């Protein structure tokens, strides 16, 4: 190795290292700053203890809950409420004719399509074996059959107002259909209602549900 080569290597290696550091250090520093900011924001949210939930629609304001109340508590209270949990029930008479109400007429063609029911020429309606097996909650009252075709499903809390002792929560829900209901509503629509709640000893309970739609759509 010549003296010139040795000198070039001795001088060149530090220069290359210096050039690499010149390009890499700014990126490394920027990344470290971003990671530090993200960690700081996460710690601040954990310390604050304020329960804020964003709505599903960006145009709406975030939902801010009072102490000891959140969406899971509201969902639970609604699901055990007799009115909200009551299913949409269909009724089919054992003697069918075209003078029946429209909402009763529409069930028979669906049941025939699914193979759950047979309609004789004289209007006599009979359940098939599949109908007896798959119509959960079927009740025979002697002149007609009744059975649920959909139940309400809580979706999200959209708004809430509270003074600490009472609260009014606006919420969305949809029908969740079974096989029969799915034939009548392929795309269940969003419904809105309001839940009134009371805080007793630091524990929230449901007192009333208003604007609860009963239409099947």
N, C-alpha and C. Protein backbone atom coordinates (compact mmCIF):
# COMPACT_ATOMS: atom_id res chain seq x y z
N UNK A 1 0.86 -1.20 0.00
CA UNK A 1 0.00 0.00 0.00
C UNK A 1 0.89 1.24 0.00
N UNK A 2 0.65 2.14 -0.91
CA UNK A 2 1.47 3.36 -1.03
C UNK A 2 1.09 4.35 0.05
N UNK A 3 1.97 5.32 0.23
CA UNK A 3 1.68 6.36 1.21
C UNK A 3 0.46 7.17 0.81
N UNK A 4 0.30 7.39 -0.48
CA UNK A 4 -0.87 8.16 -0.95
C UNK A 4 -2.18 7.45 -0.67
N UNK A 5 -2.17 6.14 -0.87
CA UNK A 5 -3.39 5.35 -0.62
C UNK A 5 -3.73 5.35 0.87
N UNK A 6 -2.67 5.17 1.68
CA UNK A 6 -2.87 5.16 3.14
C UNK A 6 -3.45 6.49 3.62
N UNK A 7 -2.95 7.56 3.09
CA UNK A 7 -3.44 8.89 3.49
C UNK A 7 -4.89 9.08 3.04
N UNK A 8 -5.20 8.62 1.81
CA UNK A 8 -6.56 8.76 1.29
C UNK A 8 -7.56 7.99 2.14
N UNK A 9 -7.16 6.76 2.54
CA UNK A 9 -8.07 5.97 3.39
C UNK A 9 -8.23 6.61 4.75
N UNK A 10 -7.17 7.10 5.30
CA UNK A 10 -7.23 7.70 6.64
C UNK A 10 -8.13 8.93 6.66
N UNK A 11 -8.06 9.71 5.59
CA UNK A 11 -8.86 10.93 5.53
C UNK A 11 -10.27 10.64 5.05
N UNK A 12 -10.41 9.68 4.12
CA UNK A 12 -11.71 9.44 3.49
C UNK A 12 -12.75 8.82 4.40
N UNK A 13 -12.33 7.87 5.27
CA UNK A 13 -13.29 7.18 6.15
C UNK A 13 -14.01 8.16 7.08
N UNK A 14 -13.31 9.04 7.77
CA UNK A 14 -14.04 10.02 8.61
C UNK A 14 -14.97 10.93 7.82
N UNK A 15 -14.55 11.27 6.59
CA UNK A 15 -15.41 12.13 5.76
C UNK A 15 -16.71 11.43 5.41
N UNK A 16 -16.61 10.14 5.03
CA UNK A 16 -17.83 9.37 4.70
C UNK A 16 -18.75 9.26 5.90
N UNK A 17 -18.17 8.98 7.06
CA UNK A 17 -18.97 8.87 8.29
C UNK A 17 -19.65 10.20 8.60
N UNK A 18 -18.92 11.29 8.42
CA UNK A 18 -19.49 12.61 8.69
C UNK A 18 -20.67 12.91 7.76
N UNK A 19 -20.53 12.52 6.48
CA UNK A 19 -21.61 12.76 5.51
C UNK A 19 -22.85 11.95 5.87
N UNK A 20 -22.66 10.68 6.25
CA UNK A 20 -23.80 9.84 6.64
C UNK A 20 -24.52 10.41 7.86
N UNK A 21 -23.77 10.83 8.85
CA UNK A 21 -24.38 11.41 10.04
C UNK A 21 -25.13 12.69 9.72
N UNK A 22 -24.62 13.45 8.76
CA UNK A 22 -25.26 14.72 8.38
C UNK A 22 -26.68 14.48 7.86
N UNK A 23 -26.88 13.36 7.14
CA UNK A 23 -28.20 13.05 6.58
C UNK A 23 -29.09 12.28 7.55
N UNK A 24 -28.51 11.45 8.40
CA UNK A 24 -29.30 10.57 9.25
C UNK A 24 -29.74 11.23 10.55
N UNK A 25 -28.89 12.08 11.12
CA UNK A 25 -29.22 12.65 12.43
C UNK A 25 -30.52 13.45 12.44
N UNK A 26 -30.80 14.33 11.43
CA UNK A 26 -32.07 15.07 11.47
C UNK A 26 -33.29 14.16 11.49
N UNK A 27 -33.25 13.07 10.69
CA UNK A 27 -34.39 12.14 10.66
C UNK A 27 -34.57 11.43 11.99
N UNK A 28 -33.45 11.01 12.58
CA UNK A 28 -33.52 10.32 13.87
C UNK A 28 -34.06 11.25 14.95
N UNK A 29 -33.63 12.50 14.91
CA UNK A 29 -34.11 13.46 15.91
C UNK A 29 -35.60 13.73 15.76
N UNK A 30 -36.06 13.88 14.50
CA UNK A 30 -37.48 14.14 14.25
C UNK A 30 -38.34 12.98 14.73
N UNK A 31 -37.88 11.76 14.48
CA UNK A 31 -38.63 10.58 14.92
C UNK A 31 -38.72 10.53 16.43
N UNK A 32 -37.59 10.83 17.10
CA UNK A 32 -37.58 10.82 18.56
C UNK A 32 -38.55 11.85 19.14
N UNK A 33 -38.67 13.01 18.50
CA UNK A 33 -39.60 14.05 18.95
C UNK A 33 -41.04 13.57 18.83
N UNK A 34 -41.38 12.93 17.68
CA UNK A 34 -42.74 12.44 17.47
C UNK A 34 -43.11 11.37 18.48
N UNK A 35 -42.19 10.43 18.73
CA UNK A 35 -42.45 9.37 19.72
C UNK A 35 -42.66 9.97 21.10
N UNK A 36 -41.86 10.98 21.46
CA UNK A 36 -41.98 11.63 22.76
C UNK A 36 -43.32 12.34 22.91
N UNK A 37 -43.77 13.02 21.84
CA UNK A 37 -45.06 13.72 21.88
C UNK A 37 -46.21 12.74 22.04
N UNK A 38 -46.16 11.62 21.30
CA UNK A 38 -47.23 10.62 21.39
C UNK A 38 -47.31 10.02 22.78
N UNK A 39 -46.13 9.74 23.39
CA UNK A 39 -46.10 9.18 24.74
C UNK A 39 -46.67 10.18 25.75
N UNK A 40 -46.35 11.45 25.57
CA UNK A 40 -46.83 12.49 26.48
C UNK A 40 -48.34 12.63 26.41
N UNK A 41 -48.89 12.62 25.18
CA UNK A 41 -50.35 12.74 25.02
C UNK A 41 -51.06 11.56 25.65
N UNK A 42 -50.51 10.35 25.48
CA UNK A 42 -51.11 9.16 26.06
C UNK A 42 -51.13 9.24 27.58
N UNK A 43 -50.03 9.70 28.18
CA UNK A 43 -49.96 9.83 29.63
C UNK A 43 -50.93 10.87 30.14
N UNK A 44 -51.10 11.98 29.40
CA UNK A 44 -52.04 13.02 29.83
C UNK A 44 -53.47 12.53 29.81
N UNK A 45 -53.82 11.73 28.78
CA UNK A 45 -55.19 11.18 28.72
C UNK A 45 -55.44 10.22 29.87
N UNK A 46 -54.42 9.43 30.22
CA UNK A 46 -54.59 8.47 31.31
C UNK A 46 -54.76 9.17 32.65
N UNK A 47 -54.05 10.29 32.85
CA UNK A 47 -54.10 11.00 34.12
C UNK A 47 -55.40 11.78 34.28
N UNK A 48 -55.94 12.31 33.20
CA UNK A 48 -57.11 13.19 33.28
C UNK A 48 -58.33 12.48 33.82
N UNK A 49 -58.57 11.19 33.43
CA UNK A 49 -59.72 10.44 33.91
C UNK A 49 -61.03 10.90 33.32
N UNK A 50 -61.04 11.85 32.40
CA UNK A 50 -62.26 12.34 31.77
C UNK A 50 -62.67 11.38 30.68
N UNK A 51 -63.91 10.90 30.74
CA UNK A 51 -64.39 9.92 29.77
C UNK A 51 -65.05 10.65 28.61
N UNK A 52 -64.35 10.68 27.48
CA UNK A 52 -64.88 11.32 26.28
C UNK A 52 -64.94 10.28 25.17
N UNK A 53 -66.09 10.20 24.53
CA UNK A 53 -66.27 9.25 23.44
C UNK A 53 -66.71 9.98 22.19
N UNK A 54 -65.99 9.79 21.11
CA UNK A 54 -66.35 10.44 19.85
C UNK A 54 -67.55 9.74 19.24
N UNK A 55 -68.45 10.50 18.61
CA UNK A 55 -69.59 9.92 17.93
C UNK A 55 -69.13 9.30 16.64
N UNK A 56 -69.98 8.48 16.02
CA UNK A 56 -69.63 7.81 14.78
C UNK A 56 -69.57 8.79 13.62
N UNK A 57 -70.24 9.91 13.75
CA UNK A 57 -70.24 10.89 12.69
C UNK A 57 -69.35 12.05 13.09
N UNK A 58 -68.41 12.40 12.22
CA UNK A 58 -67.44 13.43 12.54
C UNK A 58 -68.09 14.79 12.75
N UNK A 59 -69.31 14.99 12.21
CA UNK A 59 -69.97 16.28 12.33
C UNK A 59 -70.54 16.51 13.72
N UNK A 60 -70.64 15.46 14.53
CA UNK A 60 -71.20 15.59 15.86
C UNK A 60 -70.10 15.83 16.89
N UNK A 61 -70.49 16.47 17.99
CA UNK A 61 -69.53 16.74 19.05
C UNK A 61 -69.25 15.47 19.84
N UNK A 62 -68.07 15.37 20.45
CA UNK A 62 -67.77 14.21 21.29
C UNK A 62 -68.76 14.11 22.45
N UNK A 63 -69.04 12.89 22.86
CA UNK A 63 -69.95 12.66 23.99
C UNK A 63 -69.13 12.67 25.28
N UNK A 64 -69.50 13.54 26.20
CA UNK A 64 -68.79 13.65 27.48
C UNK A 64 -69.70 13.12 28.58
N UNK A 65 -69.27 12.04 29.24
CA UNK A 65 -70.09 11.36 30.24
C UNK A 65 -69.85 11.92 31.65
N UNK A 66 -70.87 11.89 32.47
CA UNK A 66 -70.67 12.22 33.89
C UNK A 66 -69.97 11.05 34.58
N UNK A 67 -69.51 11.27 35.80
CA UNK A 67 -68.78 10.24 36.54
C UNK A 67 -69.61 8.97 36.68
N UNK A 68 -68.95 7.82 36.55
CA UNK A 68 -69.53 6.49 36.75
C UNK A 68 -70.52 6.08 35.66
N UNK A 69 -70.56 6.81 34.55
CA UNK A 69 -71.47 6.45 33.46
C UNK A 69 -70.68 6.40 32.15
N UNK A 70 -70.93 5.37 31.36
CA UNK A 70 -70.31 5.26 30.04
C UNK A 70 -71.27 4.52 29.11
N UNK A 71 -70.87 4.33 27.85
CA UNK A 71 -71.75 3.72 26.87
C UNK A 71 -72.08 2.27 27.20
N UNK A 72 -71.12 1.55 27.80
CA UNK A 72 -71.37 0.14 28.14
C UNK A 72 -72.44 0.02 29.22
N UNK A 73 -72.44 0.95 30.18
CA UNK A 73 -73.47 0.93 31.22
C UNK A 73 -74.85 1.22 30.62
N UNK A 74 -74.91 2.18 29.71
CA UNK A 74 -76.17 2.51 29.05
C UNK A 74 -76.66 1.34 28.21
N UNK A 75 -75.75 0.72 27.46
CA UNK A 75 -76.13 -0.45 26.64
C UNK A 75 -76.69 -1.55 27.52
N UNK A 76 -76.03 -1.85 28.63
CA UNK A 76 -76.49 -2.91 29.54
C UNK A 76 -77.89 -2.60 30.08
N UNK A 77 -78.10 -1.36 30.52
CA UNK A 77 -79.40 -0.98 31.08
C UNK A 77 -80.51 -1.09 30.04
N UNK A 78 -80.20 -0.76 28.79
CA UNK A 78 -81.20 -0.88 27.74
C UNK A 78 -81.51 -2.34 27.43
N UNK A 79 -80.49 -3.18 27.41
CA UNK A 79 -80.70 -4.58 27.07
C UNK A 79 -81.53 -5.33 28.10
N UNK A 80 -81.52 -4.87 29.35
CA UNK A 80 -82.34 -5.54 30.37
C UNK A 80 -83.67 -4.82 30.57
N UNK A 81 -83.89 -3.74 29.84
CA UNK A 81 -85.16 -3.01 29.95
C UNK A 81 -86.24 -3.76 29.16
N UNK A 82 -87.41 -3.96 29.77
CA UNK A 82 -88.45 -4.77 29.16
C UNK A 82 -88.95 -4.19 27.84
N UNK A 83 -89.06 -2.88 27.76
CA UNK A 83 -89.58 -2.28 26.53
C UNK A 83 -88.57 -2.35 25.40
N UNK A 84 -87.30 -1.98 25.68
CA UNK A 84 -86.29 -1.99 24.62
C UNK A 84 -86.00 -3.42 24.15
N UNK A 85 -85.98 -4.37 25.06
CA UNK A 85 -85.62 -5.74 24.71
C UNK A 85 -86.78 -6.54 24.11
N UNK A 86 -88.00 -5.97 24.17
CA UNK A 86 -89.15 -6.69 23.61
C UNK A 86 -88.99 -6.85 22.10
N UNK A 87 -89.08 -8.06 21.55
CA UNK A 87 -88.88 -8.26 20.12
C UNK A 87 -90.08 -7.80 19.30
N UNK A 88 -89.84 -7.60 18.01
CA UNK A 88 -90.95 -7.35 17.08
C UNK A 88 -91.57 -8.72 16.79
N UNK A 89 -92.86 -8.84 17.05
CA UNK A 89 -93.54 -10.13 16.95
C UNK A 89 -94.53 -10.15 15.80
N UNK A 90 -94.47 -11.21 15.00
CA UNK A 90 -95.42 -11.41 13.90
C UNK A 90 -96.56 -12.31 14.37
N UNK A 91 -97.73 -12.09 13.78
CA UNK A 91 -98.89 -12.92 14.09
C UNK A 91 -99.52 -13.41 12.79
N UNK A 92 -99.73 -14.70 12.69
CA UNK A 92 -100.32 -15.31 11.50
C UNK A 92 -101.50 -16.18 11.92
N UNK A 93 -102.67 -15.85 11.40
CA UNK A 93 -103.86 -16.64 11.74
C UNK A 93 -103.85 -17.97 10.99
N UNK A 94 -104.52 -18.95 11.58
CA UNK A 94 -104.56 -20.27 10.97
C UNK A 94 -105.53 -20.34 9.80
N UNK A 95 -106.36 -19.33 9.65
CA UNK A 95 -107.27 -19.23 8.49
C UNK A 95 -106.95 -17.92 7.79
N UNK A 96 -106.32 -18.00 6.62
CA UNK A 96 -105.85 -16.82 5.93
C UNK A 96 -106.85 -16.34 4.89
N UNK A 97 -107.05 -15.02 4.82
CA UNK A 97 -107.83 -14.43 3.73
C UNK A 97 -107.33 -13.02 3.48
N UNK A 98 -107.70 -12.44 2.33
CA UNK A 98 -107.16 -11.17 1.90
C UNK A 98 -107.75 -9.97 2.63
N UNK A 99 -108.66 -10.20 3.55
CA UNK A 99 -109.22 -9.09 4.32
C UNK A 99 -108.36 -8.78 5.55
N UNK A 100 -107.33 -9.59 5.77
CA UNK A 100 -106.46 -9.37 6.92
C UNK A 100 -105.67 -8.08 6.76
N UNK A 101 -105.21 -7.54 7.84
CA UNK A 101 -104.39 -6.33 7.80
C UNK A 101 -103.13 -6.58 6.97
N UNK A 102 -102.65 -5.52 6.33
CA UNK A 102 -101.50 -5.66 5.42
C UNK A 102 -100.28 -6.23 6.14
N UNK A 103 -100.03 -5.79 7.39
CA UNK A 103 -98.86 -6.27 8.09
C UNK A 103 -98.94 -7.77 8.40
N UNK A 104 -100.18 -8.32 8.43
CA UNK A 104 -100.33 -9.76 8.64
C UNK A 104 -100.24 -10.52 7.32
N UNK A 105 -100.72 -9.90 6.23
CA UNK A 105 -100.67 -10.54 4.92
C UNK A 105 -99.23 -10.79 4.46
N UNK A 106 -98.32 -9.88 4.78
CA UNK A 106 -96.96 -9.96 4.24
C UNK A 106 -96.14 -11.10 4.83
N UNK A 107 -96.55 -11.63 6.00
CA UNK A 107 -95.76 -12.68 6.62
C UNK A 107 -95.92 -14.04 5.94
N UNK A 108 -97.12 -14.34 5.45
CA UNK A 108 -97.38 -15.66 4.88
C UNK A 108 -96.50 -15.95 3.66
N UNK A 109 -96.37 -15.04 2.66
CA UNK A 109 -95.48 -15.32 1.53
C UNK A 109 -94.03 -15.57 1.95
N UNK A 110 -93.57 -14.84 2.96
CA UNK A 110 -92.20 -15.03 3.44
C UNK A 110 -92.04 -16.40 4.06
N UNK A 111 -93.00 -16.80 4.87
CA UNK A 111 -92.94 -18.11 5.51
C UNK A 111 -93.02 -19.23 4.48
N UNK A 112 -93.82 -19.04 3.43
CA UNK A 112 -93.88 -20.03 2.36
C UNK A 112 -92.54 -20.12 1.63
N UNK A 113 -91.92 -18.99 1.36
CA UNK A 113 -90.64 -18.97 0.66
C UNK A 113 -89.56 -19.72 1.45
N UNK A 114 -89.58 -19.56 2.77
CA UNK A 114 -88.59 -20.22 3.62
C UNK A 114 -88.93 -21.68 3.88
N UNK A 115 -90.12 -22.12 3.45
CA UNK A 115 -90.52 -23.50 3.68
C UNK A 115 -91.02 -23.76 5.08
N UNK A 116 -91.44 -22.67 5.76
CA UNK A 116 -91.91 -22.80 7.14
C UNK A 116 -93.43 -22.98 7.23
N UNK A 117 -94.13 -22.70 6.16
CA UNK A 117 -95.59 -22.69 6.22
C UNK A 117 -96.18 -23.12 4.88
N UNK A 118 -97.36 -23.75 4.93
CA UNK A 118 -98.10 -24.14 3.73
C UNK A 118 -99.49 -23.55 3.78
N UNK A 119 -99.97 -23.10 2.62
CA UNK A 119 -101.27 -22.46 2.54
C UNK A 119 -102.15 -23.27 1.60
N UNK A 120 -103.25 -23.81 2.13
CA UNK A 120 -104.17 -24.62 1.32
C UNK A 120 -105.11 -23.71 0.53
N UNK A 121 -105.80 -24.30 -0.44
CA UNK A 121 -106.70 -23.54 -1.29
C UNK A 121 -107.83 -22.88 -0.53
N UNK A 122 -108.26 -23.47 0.58
CA UNK A 122 -109.35 -22.88 1.35
C UNK A 122 -108.87 -21.85 2.37
N UNK A 123 -107.56 -21.54 2.33
CA UNK A 123 -107.02 -20.54 3.25
C UNK A 123 -106.47 -21.10 4.55
N UNK A 124 -106.51 -22.42 4.70
CA UNK A 124 -105.98 -23.03 5.92
C UNK A 124 -104.46 -22.97 5.91
N UNK A 125 -103.92 -22.49 7.00
CA UNK A 125 -102.47 -22.35 7.13
C UNK A 125 -101.94 -23.43 8.07
N UNK A 126 -100.88 -24.11 7.64
CA UNK A 126 -100.25 -25.13 8.49
C UNK A 126 -98.74 -24.89 8.52
N UNK A 127 -98.16 -25.14 9.68
CA UNK A 127 -96.71 -25.03 9.81
C UNK A 127 -96.05 -26.33 9.34
N UNK A 128 -94.92 -26.19 8.67
CA UNK A 128 -94.15 -27.36 8.26
C UNK A 128 -93.23 -27.78 9.40
N UNK A 129 -92.56 -28.91 9.19
CA UNK A 129 -91.61 -29.39 10.20
C UNK A 129 -90.48 -28.36 10.38
N UNK A 130 -89.99 -27.79 9.27
CA UNK A 130 -88.95 -26.77 9.36
C UNK A 130 -89.44 -25.54 10.13
N UNK A 131 -90.72 -25.19 9.90
CA UNK A 131 -91.28 -24.06 10.61
C UNK A 131 -91.31 -24.29 12.11
N UNK A 132 -91.70 -25.49 12.51
CA UNK A 132 -91.74 -25.82 13.93
C UNK A 132 -90.34 -25.80 14.54
N UNK A 133 -89.33 -26.17 13.75
CA UNK A 133 -87.97 -26.24 14.26
C UNK A 133 -87.27 -24.88 14.32
N UNK A 134 -87.56 -24.01 13.34
CA UNK A 134 -86.79 -22.79 13.19
C UNK A 134 -87.46 -21.51 13.67
N UNK A 135 -88.74 -21.56 13.96
CA UNK A 135 -89.41 -20.36 14.46
C UNK A 135 -89.27 -20.32 15.98
N UNK A 136 -88.15 -19.77 16.43
CA UNK A 136 -87.89 -19.68 17.88
C UNK A 136 -88.91 -18.77 18.54
N UNK A 137 -89.38 -19.17 19.70
CA UNK A 137 -90.35 -18.36 20.43
C UNK A 137 -91.76 -18.49 19.90
N UNK A 138 -92.02 -19.53 19.12
CA UNK A 138 -93.35 -19.74 18.54
C UNK A 138 -94.39 -20.01 19.64
N UNK A 139 -95.52 -19.32 19.53
CA UNK A 139 -96.62 -19.50 20.48
C UNK A 139 -97.91 -19.77 19.70
N UNK A 140 -98.62 -20.81 20.07
CA UNK A 140 -99.90 -21.17 19.45
C UNK A 140 -101.01 -20.81 20.42
N UNK A 141 -101.86 -19.81 20.02
CA UNK A 141 -102.95 -19.41 20.91
C UNK A 141 -104.28 -20.03 20.52
N UNK A 142 -104.25 -21.00 19.61
CA UNK A 142 -105.48 -21.69 19.21
C UNK A 142 -105.99 -21.23 17.86
N UNK A 143 -105.98 -19.92 17.61
CA UNK A 143 -106.47 -19.39 16.33
C UNK A 143 -105.35 -18.80 15.48
N UNK A 144 -104.18 -18.62 16.08
CA UNK A 144 -103.07 -18.01 15.35
C UNK A 144 -101.74 -18.40 15.99
N UNK A 145 -100.67 -18.16 15.22
CA UNK A 145 -99.32 -18.33 15.74
C UNK A 145 -98.67 -16.95 15.87
N UNK A 146 -97.90 -16.78 16.92
CA UNK A 146 -97.09 -15.57 17.06
C UNK A 146 -95.64 -15.99 17.26
N UNK A 147 -94.73 -15.18 16.74
CA UNK A 147 -93.31 -15.51 16.86
C UNK A 147 -92.50 -14.24 16.60
N UNK A 148 -91.35 -14.09 17.27
CA UNK A 148 -90.50 -12.91 17.05
C UNK A 148 -89.77 -13.00 15.72
N UNK A 149 -89.56 -11.84 15.07
CA UNK A 149 -88.80 -11.82 13.82
C UNK A 149 -87.62 -10.85 13.87
N UNK A 150 -87.52 -10.04 14.93
CA UNK A 150 -86.38 -9.12 15.06
C UNK A 150 -86.31 -8.62 16.50
N UNK A 151 -85.11 -8.24 16.91
CA UNK A 151 -84.92 -7.63 18.21
C UNK A 151 -84.08 -6.36 18.04
N UNK A 152 -84.21 -5.46 18.99
CA UNK A 152 -83.47 -4.21 18.92
C UNK A 152 -82.01 -4.43 19.34
N UNK A 153 -81.11 -3.74 18.62
CA UNK A 153 -79.69 -3.82 18.94
C UNK A 153 -79.14 -2.41 19.14
N UNK A 154 -78.63 -2.15 20.33
CA UNK A 154 -78.00 -0.85 20.65
C UNK A 154 -76.79 -0.64 19.75
N UNK A 155 -76.66 0.59 19.23
CA UNK A 155 -75.53 0.91 18.35
C UNK A 155 -74.53 1.82 19.04
N UNK A 156 -74.96 3.03 19.45
CA UNK A 156 -74.03 3.96 20.08
C UNK A 156 -74.77 5.09 20.76
N UNK A 157 -74.11 5.73 21.71
CA UNK A 157 -74.62 6.94 22.35
C UNK A 157 -74.22 8.12 21.46
N UNK A 158 -75.17 8.97 21.15
CA UNK A 158 -74.90 10.10 20.25
C UNK A 158 -74.82 11.43 20.98
N UNK A 159 -75.44 11.53 22.15
CA UNK A 159 -75.38 12.78 22.92
C UNK A 159 -75.76 12.49 24.37
N UNK A 160 -75.36 13.39 25.25
CA UNK A 160 -75.74 13.22 26.66
C UNK A 160 -75.70 14.57 27.37
N UNK A 161 -76.71 14.79 28.20
CA UNK A 161 -76.75 15.97 29.06
C UNK A 161 -76.97 15.48 30.49
N UNK A 162 -76.32 16.13 31.45
CA UNK A 162 -76.43 15.66 32.82
C UNK A 162 -76.15 16.78 33.80
N UNK A 163 -76.82 16.69 34.96
CA UNK A 163 -76.54 17.63 36.05
C UNK A 163 -75.89 16.89 37.22
N UNK A 164 -75.48 15.65 36.98
CA UNK A 164 -74.85 14.85 38.04
C UNK A 164 -75.81 13.90 38.71
N UNK A 165 -77.08 14.32 38.86
CA UNK A 165 -78.08 13.47 39.50
C UNK A 165 -78.96 12.77 38.46
N UNK A 166 -79.18 13.42 37.33
CA UNK A 166 -79.96 12.82 36.25
C UNK A 166 -79.18 13.00 34.93
N UNK A 167 -79.53 12.19 33.96
CA UNK A 167 -78.87 12.29 32.66
C UNK A 167 -79.86 11.87 31.58
N UNK A 168 -79.72 12.48 30.40
CA UNK A 168 -80.53 12.12 29.24
C UNK A 168 -79.57 11.79 28.10
N UNK A 169 -79.60 10.52 27.69
CA UNK A 169 -78.67 10.04 26.67
C UNK A 169 -79.42 9.74 25.38
N UNK A 170 -79.05 10.45 24.31
CA UNK A 170 -79.57 10.11 23.00
C UNK A 170 -78.75 8.96 22.44
N UNK A 171 -79.42 7.99 21.82
CA UNK A 171 -78.68 6.83 21.31
C UNK A 171 -79.30 6.31 20.02
N UNK A 172 -78.49 5.58 19.25
CA UNK A 172 -78.91 4.94 18.02
C UNK A 172 -79.13 3.44 18.25
N UNK A 173 -80.05 2.88 17.48
CA UNK A 173 -80.24 1.44 17.52
C UNK A 173 -80.78 0.96 16.17
N UNK A 174 -80.68 -0.34 15.93
CA UNK A 174 -81.21 -0.94 14.70
C UNK A 174 -81.91 -2.25 15.04
N UNK A 175 -82.81 -2.65 14.16
CA UNK A 175 -83.41 -3.97 14.30
C UNK A 175 -82.38 -5.02 13.88
N UNK A 176 -82.31 -6.10 14.64
CA UNK A 176 -81.47 -7.24 14.29
C UNK A 176 -82.41 -8.40 13.95
N UNK A 177 -82.64 -8.66 12.64
CA UNK A 177 -83.66 -9.64 12.24
C UNK A 177 -83.16 -11.08 12.28
N UNK A 178 -84.13 -12.00 12.44
CA UNK A 178 -83.82 -13.41 12.23
C UNK A 178 -84.09 -13.74 10.77
N UNK A 179 -84.19 -15.02 10.41
CA UNK A 179 -84.35 -15.40 9.01
C UNK A 179 -85.61 -14.81 8.39
N UNK A 180 -86.71 -14.80 9.13
CA UNK A 180 -87.97 -14.24 8.62
C UNK A 180 -87.84 -12.73 8.48
N UNK A 181 -87.32 -12.08 9.50
CA UNK A 181 -87.18 -10.63 9.46
C UNK A 181 -86.25 -10.15 8.36
N UNK A 182 -85.21 -10.92 8.07
CA UNK A 182 -84.25 -10.54 7.04
C UNK A 182 -84.90 -10.49 5.66
N UNK A 183 -85.94 -11.28 5.45
CA UNK A 183 -86.66 -11.26 4.17
C UNK A 183 -87.50 -9.98 4.03
N UNK A 184 -87.84 -9.38 5.15
CA UNK A 184 -88.69 -8.18 5.13
C UNK A 184 -87.89 -6.89 5.20
N UNK A 185 -86.68 -6.96 5.73
CA UNK A 185 -85.83 -5.75 5.79
C UNK A 185 -84.39 -6.17 5.55
N UNK A 186 -83.99 -6.05 4.31
CA UNK A 186 -82.64 -6.45 3.92
C UNK A 186 -81.58 -5.54 4.54
N UNK A 187 -81.90 -4.26 4.70
CA UNK A 187 -80.96 -3.29 5.26
C UNK A 187 -81.64 -2.50 6.37
N UNK A 188 -81.59 -2.99 7.61
CA UNK A 188 -82.22 -2.29 8.73
C UNK A 188 -81.73 -0.85 8.84
N UNK A 189 -82.66 0.07 9.09
CA UNK A 189 -82.34 1.48 9.18
C UNK A 189 -81.96 1.88 10.61
N UNK A 190 -81.30 3.03 10.72
CA UNK A 190 -80.92 3.55 12.03
C UNK A 190 -82.12 4.24 12.68
N UNK A 191 -82.34 3.95 13.95
CA UNK A 191 -83.40 4.57 14.74
C UNK A 191 -82.76 5.37 15.87
N UNK A 192 -83.49 6.36 16.35
CA UNK A 192 -83.00 7.19 17.45
C UNK A 192 -83.99 7.15 18.61
N UNK A 193 -83.48 7.21 19.81
CA UNK A 193 -84.32 7.25 21.01
C UNK A 193 -83.54 7.94 22.12
N UNK A 194 -84.20 8.15 23.26
CA UNK A 194 -83.57 8.82 24.39
C UNK A 194 -83.76 8.01 25.66
N UNK A 195 -82.70 7.84 26.41
CA UNK A 195 -82.75 7.13 27.69
C UNK A 195 -82.59 8.13 28.83
N UNK A 196 -83.54 8.09 29.77
CA UNK A 196 -83.45 8.92 30.97
C UNK A 196 -82.85 8.07 32.09
N UNK A 197 -81.86 8.62 32.79
CA UNK A 197 -81.15 7.88 33.82
C UNK A 197 -81.08 8.68 35.12
N UNK A 198 -81.00 7.96 36.24
CA UNK A 198 -80.90 8.60 37.55
C UNK A 198 -79.68 8.04 38.29
N UNK A 199 -78.98 8.92 38.97
CA UNK A 199 -77.81 8.54 39.75
C UNK A 199 -78.22 8.40 41.21
N UNK A 200 -78.19 7.16 41.70
CA UNK A 200 -78.56 6.90 43.09
C UNK A 200 -77.36 6.29 43.80
N UNK A 201 -76.77 7.04 44.70
CA UNK A 201 -75.62 6.55 45.45
C UNK A 201 -74.43 6.23 44.56
N UNK A 202 -74.26 7.00 43.50
CA UNK A 202 -73.12 6.78 42.62
C UNK A 202 -73.32 5.69 41.59
N UNK A 203 -74.53 5.15 41.51
CA UNK A 203 -74.81 4.09 40.54
C UNK A 203 -75.98 4.53 39.65
N UNK A 204 -75.78 4.50 38.33
CA UNK A 204 -76.80 4.96 37.40
C UNK A 204 -77.80 3.85 37.07
N UNK A 205 -79.08 4.24 37.00
CA UNK A 205 -80.13 3.30 36.62
C UNK A 205 -81.03 3.94 35.56
N UNK A 206 -81.65 3.13 34.76
CA UNK A 206 -82.53 3.60 33.69
C UNK A 206 -83.92 3.84 34.25
N UNK A 207 -84.48 5.03 33.99
CA UNK A 207 -85.81 5.34 34.49
C UNK A 207 -86.87 5.36 33.39
N UNK A 208 -86.45 5.67 32.16
CA UNK A 208 -87.44 5.77 31.07
C UNK A 208 -86.73 5.77 29.71
N UNK A 209 -87.40 5.21 28.72
CA UNK A 209 -86.94 5.27 27.33
C UNK A 209 -88.03 5.96 26.51
N UNK A 210 -87.68 7.03 25.82
CA UNK A 210 -88.67 7.77 25.04
C UNK A 210 -88.29 7.76 23.56
N UNK A 211 -89.29 8.05 22.72
CA UNK A 211 -89.11 8.11 21.26
C UNK A 211 -88.63 6.79 20.69
N UNK A 212 -89.09 5.69 21.28
CA UNK A 212 -88.66 4.36 20.84
C UNK A 212 -89.58 3.89 19.72
N UNK A 213 -89.06 3.87 18.51
CA UNK A 213 -89.83 3.54 17.31
C UNK A 213 -90.17 2.04 17.28
N UNK A 214 -91.40 1.73 16.89
CA UNK A 214 -91.83 0.32 16.78
C UNK A 214 -91.99 -0.14 15.35
N UNK A 215 -91.75 0.76 14.38
CA UNK A 215 -91.89 0.37 12.97
C UNK A 215 -90.80 -0.59 12.57
N UNK A 216 -91.15 -1.56 11.74
CA UNK A 216 -90.20 -2.56 11.28
C UNK A 216 -89.54 -2.08 10.00
N UNK A 217 -88.35 -1.49 10.11
CA UNK A 217 -87.57 -1.08 8.93
C UNK A 217 -86.11 -0.93 9.32
